[in-house]
Amino acid sequence: MVLCALLLLGFTVCEVADVLFRNLHRPWLNANEFAGGLFAWGVFIGMGVAVRRDQHFRLTAVGESLSGRKRMIVESFNRLVILGVGLCMIWFGYLNYLNGFGSFLMPSVTPIAVLYAAIPVAGGLISLFTVEELVNGWRHGFQARGKTEAEPIRPPIS
């Protein structure tokens, strides 16, 4: 999570520095390359962080309304879909990464594969953390972390 925050902070600093140097009539020519790389890596690493913290988009309302075996099936299905997405990110991201050696960032002539590498890395993190959630859920249940069911509010007695 700290790495993700540092990457996005670096993106912000690069953009501010780019504007500042342009206003001082000393343009920083590689600023867009750095900013794009930091942003791409920050977003893709952020995907892994969201899965690890269980704060990603998924169908939680259905799973949380169920209990027992039905909840186990729904939660397992949700996570297996996320695992499938993570595995696709690994495979197709790697293929995209390999193709990235044919295109270059300008003006530094760095292969664009440097940016594309974030995709399979994020897929690996998503897959790893989803497998962790599945194993823990199958062993200990899929109850929400740190959340307890609130007792219903009873009407006042008159």
N, C-alpha and C. Protein backbone atom coordinates (compact mmCIF):
# COMPACT_ATOMS: atom_id res chain seq x y z
N MET A 1 0.83 -1.18 0.00
CA MET A 1 0.00 0.00 0.00
C MET A 1 0.88 1.25 0.00
N VAL A 2 1.97 1.20 0.74
CA VAL A 2 2.89 2.34 0.79
C VAL A 2 3.50 2.56 -0.59
N LEU A 3 3.87 1.49 -1.28
CA LEU A 3 4.43 1.61 -2.62
C LEU A 3 3.45 2.29 -3.56
N CYS A 4 2.19 1.89 -3.50
CA CYS A 4 1.16 2.49 -4.34
C CYS A 4 1.05 3.98 -4.05
N ALA A 5 1.03 4.34 -2.79
CA ALA A 5 0.93 5.76 -2.41
C ALA A 5 2.15 6.54 -2.90
N LEU A 6 3.33 5.95 -2.78
CA LEU A 6 4.54 6.63 -3.24
C LEU A 6 4.55 6.82 -4.76
N LEU A 7 4.06 5.82 -5.48
CA LEU A 7 3.99 5.94 -6.93
C LEU A 7 3.04 7.06 -7.35
N LEU A 8 1.88 7.14 -6.70
CA LEU A 8 0.93 8.19 -7.05
C LEU A 8 1.41 9.56 -6.57
N LEU A 9 2.15 9.61 -5.47
CA LEU A 9 2.76 10.87 -5.04
C LEU A 9 3.82 11.31 -6.05
N GLY A 10 4.61 10.36 -6.53
CA GLY A 10 5.61 10.67 -7.54
C GLY A 10 4.98 11.20 -8.82
N PHE A 11 3.84 10.63 -9.20
CA PHE A 11 3.10 11.12 -10.36
C PHE A 11 2.70 12.58 -10.16
N THR A 12 2.16 12.88 -9.00
CA THR A 12 1.73 14.25 -8.71
C THR A 12 2.91 15.22 -8.72
N VAL A 13 4.02 14.82 -8.11
CA VAL A 13 5.21 15.67 -8.09
C VAL A 13 5.73 15.91 -9.51
N CYS A 14 5.73 14.87 -10.34
CA CYS A 14 6.18 15.03 -11.73
C CYS A 14 5.30 16.02 -12.49
N GLU A 15 4.00 15.93 -12.29
CA GLU A 15 3.10 16.84 -13.00
C GLU A 15 3.28 18.28 -12.54
N VAL A 16 3.41 18.48 -11.23
CA VAL A 16 3.63 19.83 -10.71
C VAL A 16 4.96 20.38 -11.21
N ALA A 17 6.00 19.55 -11.19
CA ALA A 17 7.32 19.98 -11.67
C ALA A 17 7.27 20.30 -13.16
N ASP A 18 6.52 19.53 -13.93
CA ASP A 18 6.40 19.79 -15.37
C ASP A 18 5.78 21.17 -15.61
N VAL A 19 4.72 21.46 -14.91
CA VAL A 19 4.07 22.77 -15.06
C VAL A 19 5.01 23.89 -14.59
N LEU A 20 5.67 23.69 -13.48
CA LEU A 20 6.58 24.70 -12.93
C LEU A 20 7.73 24.98 -13.92
N PHE A 21 8.36 23.94 -14.43
CA PHE A 21 9.48 24.14 -15.35
C PHE A 21 9.03 24.77 -16.67
N ARG A 22 7.83 24.42 -17.14
CA ARG A 22 7.33 25.05 -18.35
C ARG A 22 7.11 26.54 -18.14
N ASN A 23 6.60 26.91 -16.97
CA ASN A 23 6.38 28.33 -16.67
C ASN A 23 7.69 29.09 -16.49
N LEU A 24 8.74 28.38 -16.13
CA LEU A 24 10.06 29.00 -16.01
C LEU A 24 10.83 28.97 -17.34
N HIS A 25 10.16 28.55 -18.40
CA HIS A 25 10.74 28.45 -19.74
C HIS A 25 11.92 27.49 -19.79
N ARG A 26 11.89 26.46 -18.95
CA ARG A 26 12.88 25.38 -18.95
C ARG A 26 12.12 24.05 -18.95
N PRO A 27 11.51 23.69 -20.08
CA PRO A 27 10.66 22.49 -20.08
C PRO A 27 11.43 21.21 -19.75
N TRP A 28 10.78 20.36 -18.99
CA TRP A 28 11.32 19.04 -18.64
C TRP A 28 10.75 18.07 -19.66
N LEU A 29 11.54 17.67 -20.63
CA LEU A 29 11.04 16.92 -21.77
C LEU A 29 10.56 15.51 -21.42
N ASN A 30 11.15 14.90 -20.43
CA ASN A 30 10.79 13.52 -20.06
C ASN A 30 9.71 13.45 -18.99
N ALA A 31 9.14 14.57 -18.61
CA ALA A 31 8.17 14.57 -17.51
C ALA A 31 6.97 13.69 -17.82
N ASN A 32 6.47 13.73 -19.04
CA ASN A 32 5.30 12.90 -19.38
C ASN A 32 5.62 11.42 -19.31
N GLU A 33 6.82 11.05 -19.66
CA GLU A 33 7.21 9.63 -19.56
C GLU A 33 7.23 9.17 -18.10
N PHE A 34 7.86 9.97 -17.25
CA PHE A 34 7.92 9.61 -15.83
C PHE A 34 6.52 9.58 -15.22
N ALA A 35 5.73 10.62 -15.52
CA ALA A 35 4.39 10.70 -14.95
C ALA A 35 3.53 9.53 -15.42
N GLY A 36 3.60 9.21 -16.71
CA GLY A 36 2.82 8.08 -17.23
C GLY A 36 3.22 6.76 -16.60
N GLY A 37 4.52 6.55 -16.45
CA GLY A 37 5.00 5.32 -15.81
C GLY A 37 4.58 5.22 -14.36
N LEU A 38 4.75 6.30 -13.63
CA LEU A 38 4.37 6.29 -12.21
C LEU A 38 2.87 6.10 -12.04
N PHE A 39 2.09 6.74 -12.92
CA PHE A 39 0.64 6.59 -12.83
C PHE A 39 0.21 5.17 -13.16
N ALA A 40 0.73 4.62 -14.24
CA ALA A 40 0.36 3.25 -14.63
C ALA A 40 0.72 2.24 -13.55
N TRP A 41 1.93 2.32 -13.05
CA TRP A 41 2.34 1.38 -12.00
C TRP A 41 1.53 1.61 -10.72
N GLY A 42 1.25 2.87 -10.38
CA GLY A 42 0.45 3.15 -9.18
C GLY A 42 -0.95 2.58 -9.27
N VAL A 43 -1.57 2.72 -10.43
CA VAL A 43 -2.94 2.21 -10.61
C VAL A 43 -2.95 0.69 -10.58
N PHE A 44 -2.03 0.06 -11.30
CA PHE A 44 -2.05 -1.40 -11.35
C PHE A 44 -1.64 -2.03 -10.02
N ILE A 45 -0.69 -1.45 -9.32
CA ILE A 45 -0.36 -1.96 -7.98
C ILE A 45 -1.54 -1.71 -7.04
N GLY A 46 -2.24 -0.60 -7.24
CA GLY A 46 -3.43 -0.30 -6.45
C GLY A 46 -4.52 -1.35 -6.60
N MET A 47 -4.59 -1.98 -7.77
CA MET A 47 -5.55 -3.08 -7.95
C MET A 47 -5.25 -4.22 -6.99
N GLY A 48 -3.98 -4.57 -6.91
CA GLY A 48 -3.58 -5.64 -5.99
C GLY A 48 -3.85 -5.27 -4.55
N VAL A 49 -3.61 -4.01 -4.20
CA VAL A 49 -3.87 -3.53 -2.84
C VAL A 49 -5.37 -3.63 -2.53
N ALA A 50 -6.20 -3.25 -3.50
CA ALA A 50 -7.65 -3.31 -3.28
C ALA A 50 -8.12 -4.74 -3.06
N VAL A 51 -7.57 -5.68 -3.80
CA VAL A 51 -7.95 -7.08 -3.60
C VAL A 51 -7.46 -7.56 -2.24
N ARG A 52 -6.25 -7.19 -1.87
CA ARG A 52 -5.69 -7.63 -0.57
C ARG A 52 -6.51 -7.12 0.59
N ARG A 53 -6.97 -5.87 0.48
CA ARG A 53 -7.76 -5.27 1.56
C ARG A 53 -9.24 -5.57 1.44
N ASP A 54 -9.62 -6.36 0.44
CA ASP A 54 -11.01 -6.72 0.18
C ASP A 54 -11.88 -5.48 -0.01
N GLN A 55 -11.34 -4.49 -0.71
CA GLN A 55 -12.08 -3.25 -0.96
C GLN A 55 -12.30 -3.04 -2.45
N HIS A 56 -12.33 -4.11 -3.20
CA HIS A 56 -12.52 -4.01 -4.63
C HIS A 56 -14.00 -4.16 -4.95
N PHE A 57 -14.33 -3.91 -6.19
CA PHE A 57 -15.72 -4.02 -6.62
C PHE A 57 -16.07 -5.48 -6.81
N ARG A 58 -17.07 -5.92 -6.13
CA ARG A 58 -17.62 -7.26 -6.32
C ARG A 58 -19.03 -7.29 -5.75
N LEU A 59 -19.72 -8.36 -5.96
CA LEU A 59 -21.11 -8.44 -5.50
C LEU A 59 -21.16 -8.87 -4.04
N THR A 60 -21.01 -7.92 -3.14
CA THR A 60 -20.98 -8.24 -1.72
C THR A 60 -22.36 -8.34 -1.11
N ALA A 61 -23.31 -7.59 -1.63
CA ALA A 61 -24.64 -7.58 -1.01
C ALA A 61 -25.28 -8.96 -1.03
N VAL A 62 -25.11 -9.68 -2.11
CA VAL A 62 -25.71 -11.01 -2.21
C VAL A 62 -25.04 -11.96 -1.21
N GLY A 63 -23.72 -11.97 -1.20
CA GLY A 63 -22.99 -12.88 -0.32
C GLY A 63 -23.22 -12.59 1.16
N GLU A 64 -23.26 -11.31 1.52
CA GLU A 64 -23.44 -10.96 2.92
C GLU A 64 -24.84 -11.22 3.44
N SER A 65 -25.80 -11.33 2.53
CA SER A 65 -27.18 -11.61 2.97
C SER A 65 -27.40 -13.10 3.21
N LEU A 66 -26.46 -13.92 2.81
CA LEU A 66 -26.59 -15.37 2.95
C LEU A 66 -25.73 -15.88 4.10
N SER A 67 -25.96 -17.13 4.45
CA SER A 67 -25.12 -17.76 5.47
C SER A 67 -24.96 -19.24 5.13
N GLY A 68 -24.02 -19.85 5.80
CA GLY A 68 -23.80 -21.28 5.64
C GLY A 68 -23.26 -21.66 4.28
N ARG A 69 -23.76 -22.77 3.76
CA ARG A 69 -23.27 -23.33 2.50
C ARG A 69 -23.54 -22.40 1.30
N LYS A 70 -24.70 -21.73 1.31
CA LYS A 70 -25.03 -20.82 0.21
C LYS A 70 -24.03 -19.67 0.13
N ARG A 71 -23.68 -19.14 1.29
CA ARG A 71 -22.70 -18.05 1.29
C ARG A 71 -21.34 -18.54 0.81
N MET A 72 -20.97 -19.73 1.23
CA MET A 72 -19.69 -20.30 0.81
C MET A 72 -19.64 -20.42 -0.72
N ILE A 73 -20.74 -20.86 -1.32
CA ILE A 73 -20.78 -21.02 -2.78
C ILE A 73 -20.71 -19.67 -3.48
N VAL A 74 -21.50 -18.70 -3.03
CA VAL A 74 -21.52 -17.38 -3.67
C VAL A 74 -20.17 -16.67 -3.52
N GLU A 75 -19.62 -16.68 -2.32
CA GLU A 75 -18.32 -16.02 -2.08
C GLU A 75 -17.21 -16.71 -2.87
N SER A 76 -17.26 -18.04 -2.94
CA SER A 76 -16.25 -18.77 -3.73
C SER A 76 -16.37 -18.42 -5.20
N PHE A 77 -17.59 -18.35 -5.72
CA PHE A 77 -17.80 -17.99 -7.11
C PHE A 77 -17.26 -16.59 -7.40
N ASN A 78 -17.58 -15.62 -6.53
CA ASN A 78 -17.08 -14.25 -6.71
C ASN A 78 -15.56 -14.23 -6.79
N ARG A 79 -14.92 -14.91 -5.88
CA ARG A 79 -13.46 -14.90 -5.85
C ARG A 79 -12.84 -15.69 -7.00
N LEU A 80 -13.51 -16.74 -7.44
CA LEU A 80 -13.00 -17.49 -8.59
C LEU A 80 -13.07 -16.65 -9.86
N VAL A 81 -14.09 -15.82 -9.99
CA VAL A 81 -14.17 -14.90 -11.13
C VAL A 81 -13.01 -13.91 -11.07
N ILE A 82 -12.75 -13.36 -9.88
CA ILE A 82 -11.64 -12.42 -9.72
C ILE A 82 -10.31 -13.12 -10.01
N LEU A 83 -10.18 -14.36 -9.57
CA LEU A 83 -8.97 -15.13 -9.87
C LEU A 83 -8.81 -15.31 -11.38
N GLY A 84 -9.90 -15.59 -12.08
CA GLY A 84 -9.85 -15.72 -13.53
C GLY A 84 -9.38 -14.44 -14.20
N VAL A 85 -9.86 -13.30 -13.71
CA VAL A 85 -9.42 -12.01 -14.25
C VAL A 85 -7.93 -11.81 -13.98
N GLY A 86 -7.48 -12.14 -12.78
CA GLY A 86 -6.06 -12.02 -12.44
C GLY A 86 -5.18 -12.89 -13.33
N LEU A 87 -5.62 -14.11 -13.57
CA LEU A 87 -4.84 -15.01 -14.43
C LEU A 87 -4.82 -14.51 -15.88
N CYS A 88 -5.93 -13.96 -16.34
CA CYS A 88 -5.95 -13.36 -17.70
C CYS A 88 -5.00 -12.16 -17.76
N MET A 89 -4.96 -11.37 -16.69
CA MET A 89 -4.04 -10.24 -16.67
C MET A 89 -2.60 -10.72 -16.75
N ILE A 90 -2.30 -11.82 -16.07
CA ILE A 90 -0.93 -12.36 -16.13
C ILE A 90 -0.61 -12.78 -17.56
N TRP A 91 -1.46 -13.61 -18.15
CA TRP A 91 -1.17 -14.18 -19.46
C TRP A 91 -1.15 -13.11 -20.56
N PHE A 92 -2.25 -12.38 -20.70
CA PHE A 92 -2.33 -11.40 -21.78
C PHE A 92 -1.46 -10.18 -21.51
N GLY A 93 -1.26 -9.85 -20.24
CA GLY A 93 -0.35 -8.77 -19.89
C GLY A 93 1.08 -9.12 -20.26
N TYR A 94 1.45 -10.37 -20.06
CA TYR A 94 2.80 -10.81 -20.44
C TYR A 94 2.98 -10.75 -21.96
N LEU A 95 1.96 -11.19 -22.71
CA LEU A 95 2.04 -11.11 -24.17
C LEU A 95 2.14 -9.65 -24.62
N ASN A 96 1.38 -8.79 -23.98
CA ASN A 96 1.44 -7.36 -24.29
C ASN A 96 2.82 -6.79 -23.94
N TYR A 97 3.35 -7.23 -22.81
CA TYR A 97 4.69 -6.81 -22.40
C TYR A 97 5.73 -7.18 -23.45
N LEU A 98 5.67 -8.39 -23.96
CA LEU A 98 6.62 -8.82 -24.99
C LEU A 98 6.48 -7.98 -26.26
N ASN A 99 5.25 -7.65 -26.63
CA ASN A 99 5.03 -6.80 -27.81
C ASN A 99 5.50 -5.37 -27.58
N GLY A 100 5.61 -4.97 -26.32
CA GLY A 100 6.02 -3.61 -26.00
C GLY A 100 7.46 -3.29 -26.33
N PHE A 101 8.24 -4.29 -26.65
CA PHE A 101 9.63 -4.03 -27.02
C PHE A 101 9.75 -3.51 -28.45
N GLY A 102 8.63 -3.48 -29.18
CA GLY A 102 8.65 -2.95 -30.54
C GLY A 102 8.24 -1.49 -30.61
N SER A 103 7.77 -0.92 -29.50
CA SER A 103 7.36 0.49 -29.45
C SER A 103 8.21 1.19 -28.40
N PHE A 104 8.40 2.48 -28.60
CA PHE A 104 9.29 3.21 -27.71
C PHE A 104 8.66 4.52 -27.24
N LEU A 105 9.00 4.90 -26.01
CA LEU A 105 8.59 6.19 -25.46
C LEU A 105 9.53 7.24 -26.02
N MET A 106 8.99 8.39 -26.33
CA MET A 106 9.81 9.48 -26.84
C MET A 106 9.89 10.59 -25.82
N PRO A 107 10.95 11.25 -25.61
CA PRO A 107 12.19 11.29 -26.38
C PRO A 107 13.27 10.35 -25.86
N SER A 108 13.01 9.57 -24.82
CA SER A 108 14.09 8.76 -24.23
C SER A 108 14.35 7.45 -24.98
N VAL A 109 13.44 7.04 -25.85
CA VAL A 109 13.52 5.80 -26.61
C VAL A 109 13.59 4.58 -25.68
N THR A 110 12.86 4.65 -24.59
CA THR A 110 12.71 3.53 -23.66
C THR A 110 11.59 2.63 -24.20
N PRO A 111 11.78 1.31 -24.21
CA PRO A 111 10.69 0.44 -24.67
C PRO A 111 9.44 0.63 -23.82
N ILE A 112 8.30 0.67 -24.48
CA ILE A 112 7.03 0.86 -23.78
C ILE A 112 6.69 -0.35 -22.91
N ALA A 113 7.45 -1.43 -23.07
CA ALA A 113 7.27 -2.62 -22.24
C ALA A 113 7.46 -2.30 -20.76
N VAL A 114 8.20 -1.23 -20.45
CA VAL A 114 8.39 -0.82 -19.05
C VAL A 114 7.03 -0.49 -18.41
N LEU A 115 6.15 0.12 -19.19
CA LEU A 115 4.80 0.42 -18.68
C LEU A 115 3.93 -0.83 -18.67
N TYR A 116 4.03 -1.64 -19.74
CA TYR A 116 3.19 -2.83 -19.85
C TYR A 116 3.51 -3.89 -18.80
N ALA A 117 4.69 -3.84 -18.23
CA ALA A 117 5.07 -4.83 -17.23
C ALA A 117 4.19 -4.74 -15.98
N ALA A 118 3.56 -3.60 -15.76
CA ALA A 118 2.69 -3.44 -14.60
C ALA A 118 1.47 -4.36 -14.67
N ILE A 119 1.04 -4.71 -15.87
CA ILE A 119 -0.18 -5.52 -16.02
C ILE A 119 0.00 -6.94 -15.48
N PRO A 120 1.02 -7.69 -15.92
CA PRO A 120 1.17 -9.04 -15.34
C PRO A 120 1.56 -9.01 -13.86
N VAL A 121 2.27 -7.98 -13.43
CA VAL A 121 2.60 -7.88 -11.99
C VAL A 121 1.32 -7.71 -11.19
N ALA A 122 0.44 -6.83 -11.65
CA ALA A 122 -0.84 -6.63 -10.96
C ALA A 122 -1.67 -7.91 -10.99
N GLY A 123 -1.68 -8.60 -12.13
CA GLY A 123 -2.40 -9.87 -12.21
C GLY A 123 -1.86 -10.90 -11.24
N GLY A 124 -0.54 -10.93 -11.07
CA GLY A 124 0.06 -11.84 -10.10
C GLY A 124 -0.36 -11.51 -8.68
N LEU A 125 -0.36 -10.22 -8.34
CA LEU A 125 -0.78 -9.83 -6.99
C LEU A 125 -2.26 -10.13 -6.76
N ILE A 126 -3.09 -9.83 -7.75
CA ILE A 126 -4.52 -10.11 -7.63
C ILE A 126 -4.75 -11.61 -7.45
N SER A 127 -4.08 -12.42 -8.26
CA SER A 127 -4.24 -13.87 -8.15
C SER A 127 -3.77 -14.39 -6.80
N LEU A 128 -2.61 -13.92 -6.37
CA LEU A 128 -2.07 -14.35 -5.08
C LEU A 128 -3.01 -14.02 -3.93
N PHE A 129 -3.50 -12.78 -3.90
CA PHE A 129 -4.36 -12.37 -2.79
C PHE A 129 -5.74 -13.01 -2.87
N THR A 130 -6.20 -13.31 -4.08
CA THR A 130 -7.49 -13.99 -4.21
C THR A 130 -7.39 -15.43 -3.73
N VAL A 131 -6.29 -16.09 -4.06
CA VAL A 131 -6.09 -17.46 -3.55
C VAL A 131 -6.03 -17.43 -2.03
N GLU A 132 -5.35 -16.43 -1.46
CA GLU A 132 -5.31 -16.30 -0.01
C GLU A 132 -6.71 -16.14 0.58
N GLU A 133 -7.55 -15.30 -0.04
CA GLU A 133 -8.92 -15.12 0.44
C GLU A 133 -9.72 -16.41 0.34
N LEU A 134 -9.54 -17.14 -0.77
CA LEU A 134 -10.25 -18.40 -0.93
C LEU A 134 -9.86 -19.41 0.14
N VAL A 135 -8.57 -19.58 0.34
CA VAL A 135 -8.11 -20.56 1.34
C VAL A 135 -8.59 -20.17 2.74
N ASN A 136 -8.43 -18.90 3.09
CA ASN A 136 -8.90 -18.47 4.41
C ASN A 136 -10.42 -18.59 4.53
N GLY A 137 -11.15 -18.29 3.47
CA GLY A 137 -12.60 -18.41 3.50
C GLY A 137 -13.05 -19.85 3.64
N TRP A 138 -12.40 -20.75 2.93
CA TRP A 138 -12.76 -22.16 3.03
C TRP A 138 -12.40 -22.74 4.38
N ARG A 139 -11.36 -22.22 5.01
CA ARG A 139 -10.95 -22.74 6.32
C ARG A 139 -11.72 -22.12 7.47
N HIS A 140 -11.98 -20.80 7.38
CA HIS A 140 -12.55 -20.08 8.53
C HIS A 140 -13.89 -19.43 8.23
N GLY A 141 -14.40 -19.56 7.04
CA GLY A 141 -15.66 -18.92 6.67
C GLY A 141 -15.41 -17.57 6.01
N PHE A 142 -16.40 -17.09 5.32
CA PHE A 142 -16.27 -15.85 4.56
C PHE A 142 -16.89 -14.66 5.28
N GLN A 143 -16.87 -14.66 6.59
CA GLN A 143 -17.42 -13.52 7.32
C GLN A 143 -16.58 -12.30 7.05
N ALA A 144 -17.23 -11.14 6.99
CA ALA A 144 -16.51 -9.88 6.72
C ALA A 144 -15.52 -9.61 7.84
N ARG A 145 -14.32 -9.18 7.44
CA ARG A 145 -13.28 -8.90 8.42
C ARG A 145 -13.63 -7.68 9.26
N GLY A 146 -13.57 -7.83 10.56
CA GLY A 146 -13.77 -6.70 11.46
C GLY A 146 -15.20 -6.22 11.54
N LYS A 147 -16.13 -6.92 10.92
CA LYS A 147 -17.52 -6.49 10.95
C LYS A 147 -18.33 -7.52 11.71
N THR A 148 -19.15 -7.06 12.58
CA THR A 148 -20.06 -7.94 13.27
C THR A 148 -21.48 -7.50 12.91
N GLU A 149 -22.37 -8.44 12.93
CA GLU A 149 -23.75 -8.09 12.59
C GLU A 149 -24.34 -7.27 13.71
N ALA A 150 -24.95 -6.15 13.33
CA ALA A 150 -25.58 -5.28 14.31
C ALA A 150 -26.92 -5.88 14.73
N GLU A 151 -27.23 -5.72 15.99
CA GLU A 151 -28.50 -6.18 16.50
C GLU A 151 -29.57 -5.21 16.05
N PRO A 152 -30.72 -5.72 15.61
CA PRO A 152 -31.76 -4.81 15.12
C PRO A 152 -32.24 -3.88 16.24
N ILE A 153 -32.60 -2.68 15.85
CA ILE A 153 -33.09 -1.69 16.83
C ILE A 153 -34.54 -2.01 17.13
N ARG A 154 -34.83 -2.11 18.41
CA ARG A 154 -36.20 -2.44 18.84
C ARG A 154 -36.99 -1.16 19.05
N PRO A 155 -38.27 -1.19 18.71
CA PRO A 155 -39.07 0.03 18.92
C PRO A 155 -39.22 0.31 20.41
N PRO A 156 -39.37 1.59 20.76
CA PRO A 156 -39.52 1.92 22.18
C PRO A 156 -40.84 1.37 22.73
N ILE A 157 -40.80 0.96 23.97
CA ILE A 157 -41.99 0.44 24.63
C ILE A 157 -42.79 1.62 25.16
N SER A 158 -44.07 1.67 24.80
CA SER A 158 -44.88 2.80 25.26
C SER A 158 -45.75 2.44 26.42
